[in-house]
């Protein structure tokens, strides 16, 4: 198992655990509901060890052959981290015109989104989301209000994004209508 912890100061700590029993125990600690809300994270092998303020962790990458359960919002089937901004741009160029012409609005129809996430440490993460349209699901609240967003990436990676370290997210989606949180600022974006 390999862990990469991306901190808000721009540094990335790399850690490994090669004992299967310990790696399995570590996976249990990677609960997306508590990973960034349970106080400092202590990581190491007795001497030395590091104490990391969970509020200053932008994201954690986990690569392991062990199964890691993905906790996704209701009606979301996949959240995949794209490999690059170029892959994101190519997918957006292909999908965005289709979404504008054929927006989905009926329960159960295919939902798709591309999300660019800018983190406090200056990194950008690009996600491809698929699922089903649900008129009752509140997309923004379901996706951005939990403490962590989980995503997978090939060949065996899982990403945990600390939602409190997100500076901005740009969401392109296939839905006809999204119920926005109260207080939405209605304005056209100049920086598409």
Protein backbone atom coordinates (compact mmCIF):
# COMPACT_ATOMS: atom_id res chain seq x y z
CA UNK A 1 0.00 0.00 0.00
CA UNK A 2 1.21 3.50 -0.88
CA UNK A 3 -0.18 6.73 0.54
CA UNK A 4 0.48 10.25 -0.73
CA UNK A 5 -0.78 13.03 1.51
CA UNK A 6 -1.07 16.39 -0.29
CA UNK A 7 -0.86 19.25 2.22
CA UNK A 8 -1.99 22.84 1.87
CA UNK A 9 1.65 24.04 2.10
CA UNK A 10 2.28 22.36 -1.27
CA UNK A 11 4.27 19.45 0.14
CA UNK A 12 3.39 15.81 -0.45
CA UNK A 13 4.24 13.16 2.11
CA UNK A 14 4.73 9.62 0.79
CA UNK A 15 4.19 6.59 3.01
CA UNK A 16 4.05 2.85 2.48
CA UNK A 17 2.71 -0.16 4.37
CA UNK A 18 3.80 -3.56 3.10
CA UNK A 19 2.33 -5.73 5.87
CA UNK A 20 -1.09 -6.90 4.61
CA UNK A 21 -2.68 -7.02 8.09
CA UNK A 22 -1.56 -3.46 8.88
CA UNK A 23 -2.61 -2.23 5.44
CA UNK A 24 -6.09 -3.69 5.98
CA UNK A 25 -6.31 -1.94 9.37
CA UNK A 26 -5.19 1.31 7.76
CA UNK A 27 -7.94 1.05 5.12
CA UNK A 28 -10.51 0.92 7.96
CA UNK A 29 -9.18 4.27 9.21
CA UNK A 30 -9.80 5.82 5.79
CA UNK A 31 -13.48 6.47 6.46
CA UNK A 32 -14.60 9.41 4.27
CA UNK A 33 -17.04 10.61 6.95
CA UNK A 34 -14.29 11.02 9.57
CA UNK A 35 -10.94 11.10 7.78
CA UNK A 36 -10.70 14.91 7.78
CA UNK A 37 -12.82 15.61 10.89
CA UNK A 38 -11.33 13.46 13.65
CA UNK A 39 -8.45 15.67 14.69
CA UNK A 40 -4.79 15.33 13.80
CA UNK A 41 -3.59 12.38 11.74
CA UNK A 42 -0.60 10.61 13.27
CA UNK A 43 1.38 8.55 10.78
CA UNK A 44 4.71 6.79 11.10
CA UNK A 45 6.46 3.78 12.58
CA UNK A 46 7.03 4.88 16.19
CA UNK A 47 10.23 6.86 15.54
CA UNK A 48 9.91 9.08 13.63
CA UNK A 49 6.23 9.84 13.23
CA UNK A 50 4.36 12.84 11.85
CA UNK A 51 1.36 14.69 13.24
CA UNK A 52 -0.62 16.33 10.43
CA UNK A 53 -3.45 18.79 10.94
CA UNK A 54 -6.34 17.17 9.04
CA UNK A 55 -7.69 20.62 8.11
CA UNK A 56 -4.50 21.22 6.12
CA UNK A 57 -4.66 17.98 4.12
CA UNK A 58 -6.03 18.75 0.66
CA UNK A 59 -6.24 15.16 -0.49
CA UNK A 60 -4.94 11.66 0.11
CA UNK A 61 -4.07 9.18 -2.64
CA UNK A 62 -4.15 5.49 -1.71
CA UNK A 63 -2.80 2.80 -3.99
CA UNK A 64 -3.38 -0.79 -2.92
CA UNK A 65 -4.42 -4.18 -4.22
CA UNK A 66 -6.73 -4.50 -1.20
CA UNK A 67 -10.40 -3.61 -1.73
CA UNK A 68 -11.26 -0.04 -0.74
CA UNK A 69 -15.02 0.61 -0.54
CA UNK A 70 -16.09 3.72 -2.46
CA UNK A 71 -18.65 5.84 -0.63
CA UNK A 72 -20.41 7.83 -3.33
CA UNK A 73 -23.40 10.17 -3.18
CA UNK A 74 -26.83 8.70 -3.85
CA UNK A 75 -27.51 8.11 -7.58
CA UNK A 76 -23.79 8.43 -8.43
CA UNK A 77 -22.26 5.27 -9.91
CA UNK A 78 -18.67 6.33 -10.61
CA UNK A 79 -16.32 9.18 -9.76
CA UNK A 80 -13.06 8.80 -11.66
CA UNK A 81 -9.99 11.00 -11.36
CA UNK A 82 -8.80 11.90 -14.84
CA UNK A 83 -5.08 11.63 -15.55
CA UNK A 84 -4.55 15.18 -16.81
CA UNK A 85 -6.03 18.53 -17.72
CA UNK A 86 -5.65 17.51 -21.38
CA UNK A 87 -7.84 14.43 -20.87
CA UNK A 88 -10.41 16.62 -19.10
CA UNK A 89 -10.36 19.23 -21.90
CA UNK A 90 -10.76 16.57 -24.62
CA UNK A 91 -13.68 14.92 -22.80
CA UNK A 92 -15.29 18.31 -22.18
CA UNK A 93 -14.93 19.34 -25.84
CA UNK A 94 -16.66 16.12 -26.88
CA UNK A 95 -19.40 15.97 -24.22
CA UNK A 96 -20.36 19.60 -23.52
CA UNK A 97 -22.04 20.24 -26.93
CA UNK A 98 -24.05 17.01 -26.52
CA UNK A 99 -25.14 17.98 -23.02
CA UNK A 100 -26.30 21.40 -24.21
CA UNK A 101 -28.44 19.79 -26.95
CA UNK A 102 -29.77 16.78 -25.05
CA UNK A 103 -30.06 17.69 -21.38
CA UNK A 104 -31.37 14.91 -19.17
CA UNK A 105 -34.33 15.57 -16.93
CA UNK A 106 -36.19 12.33 -16.25
CA UNK A 107 -35.52 10.17 -13.20
CA UNK A 108 -33.23 7.28 -14.11
CA UNK A 109 -31.68 8.86 -17.20
CA UNK A 110 -27.90 8.83 -17.48
CA UNK A 111 -26.25 11.67 -15.58
CA UNK A 112 -22.73 12.74 -16.41
CA UNK A 113 -20.51 15.55 -15.15
CA UNK A 114 -16.99 16.86 -15.47
CA UNK A 115 -15.60 18.67 -12.45
CA UNK A 116 -12.46 20.74 -12.13
CA UNK A 117 -11.49 21.12 -8.48
CA UNK A 118 -8.95 23.74 -7.39
CA UNK A 119 -7.38 23.04 -4.02
CA UNK A 120 -5.87 25.34 -1.41
CA UNK A 121 -2.36 24.05 -2.25
CA UNK A 122 -2.67 25.20 -5.89
CA UNK A 123 -3.31 21.74 -7.34
CA UNK A 124 -6.16 21.03 -9.73
CA UNK A 125 -7.99 17.71 -9.82
CA UNK A 126 -10.22 16.68 -12.71
CA UNK A 127 -13.12 14.27 -12.15
CA UNK A 128 -15.52 12.42 -14.46
CA UNK A 129 -18.80 11.53 -12.73
CA UNK A 130 -21.55 9.21 -13.96
CA UNK A 131 -24.83 8.18 -12.42
CA UNK A 132 -28.57 8.52 -12.78
CA UNK A 133 -30.73 11.64 -12.82
CA UNK A 134 -32.84 12.05 -9.70
CA UNK A 135 -35.13 15.03 -9.35
CA UNK A 136 -35.05 14.67 -5.58
CA UNK A 137 -31.23 14.59 -5.28
CA UNK A 138 -29.54 17.89 -4.50
CA UNK A 139 -26.34 17.61 -6.51
CA UNK A 140 -24.30 20.35 -4.83
CA UNK A 141 -25.19 19.30 -1.29
CA UNK A 142 -24.75 15.58 -1.97
CA UNK A 143 -21.37 16.01 -3.59
CA UNK A 144 -19.68 18.92 -1.79
CA UNK A 145 -21.10 18.89 1.76
CA UNK A 146 -19.65 15.58 3.05
CA UNK A 147 -16.15 15.85 4.58
CA UNK A 148 -14.57 13.94 1.67
CA UNK A 149 -15.16 13.30 -2.00
CA UNK A 150 -13.97 9.86 -3.05
CA UNK A 151 -12.76 8.99 -6.54
CA UNK A 152 -10.96 6.08 -8.14
CA UNK A 153 -8.12 6.10 -10.63
CA UNK A 154 -6.30 3.36 -12.54
CA UNK A 155 -4.94 0.88 -11.92
CA UNK A 156 -5.80 0.55 -8.20
CA UNK A 157 -6.01 4.02 -6.71
CA UNK A 158 -8.50 5.74 -4.46
CA UNK A 159 -8.53 9.49 -3.87
CA UNK A 160 -9.99 11.27 -0.83
CA UNK A 161 -10.50 15.02 -1.38
CA UNK A 162 -10.98 17.22 1.70
CA UNK A 163 -13.99 19.39 0.79
CA UNK A 164 -12.84 22.09 3.24
CA UNK A 165 -9.68 22.55 1.15
CA UNK A 166 -11.56 23.15 -2.09
CA UNK A 167 -11.10 26.73 -3.24
CA UNK A 168 -13.30 26.41 -6.32
CA UNK A 169 -15.08 23.74 -8.33
CA UNK A 170 -16.26 24.16 -11.90
CA UNK A 171 -19.05 21.68 -12.74
CA UNK A 172 -20.21 20.90 -16.27
CA UNK A 173 -23.18 18.50 -16.27
CA UNK A 174 -25.80 16.81 -18.42
CA UNK A 175 -28.85 17.59 -16.26
CA UNK A 176 -31.63 19.82 -17.47
CA UNK A 177 -31.94 21.41 -14.07
CA UNK A 178 -30.03 21.35 -10.79
CA UNK A 179 -31.48 22.46 -7.48
CA UNK A 180 -28.94 24.93 -6.17
CA UNK A 181 -28.41 25.80 -2.52
CA UNK A 182 -30.08 28.88 -1.13
CA UNK A 183 -28.08 32.03 -1.78
CA UNK A 184 -26.82 31.16 -5.29
CA UNK A 185 -25.17 34.12 -7.02
CA UNK A 186 -26.72 34.22 -10.53
CA UNK A 187 -24.10 35.53 -12.97
CA UNK A 188 -22.50 34.36 -16.22
CA UNK A 189 -18.91 33.17 -15.85
CA UNK A 190 -16.20 34.98 -17.84
CA UNK A 191 -13.48 32.41 -17.06
CA UNK A 192 -14.92 29.29 -18.68
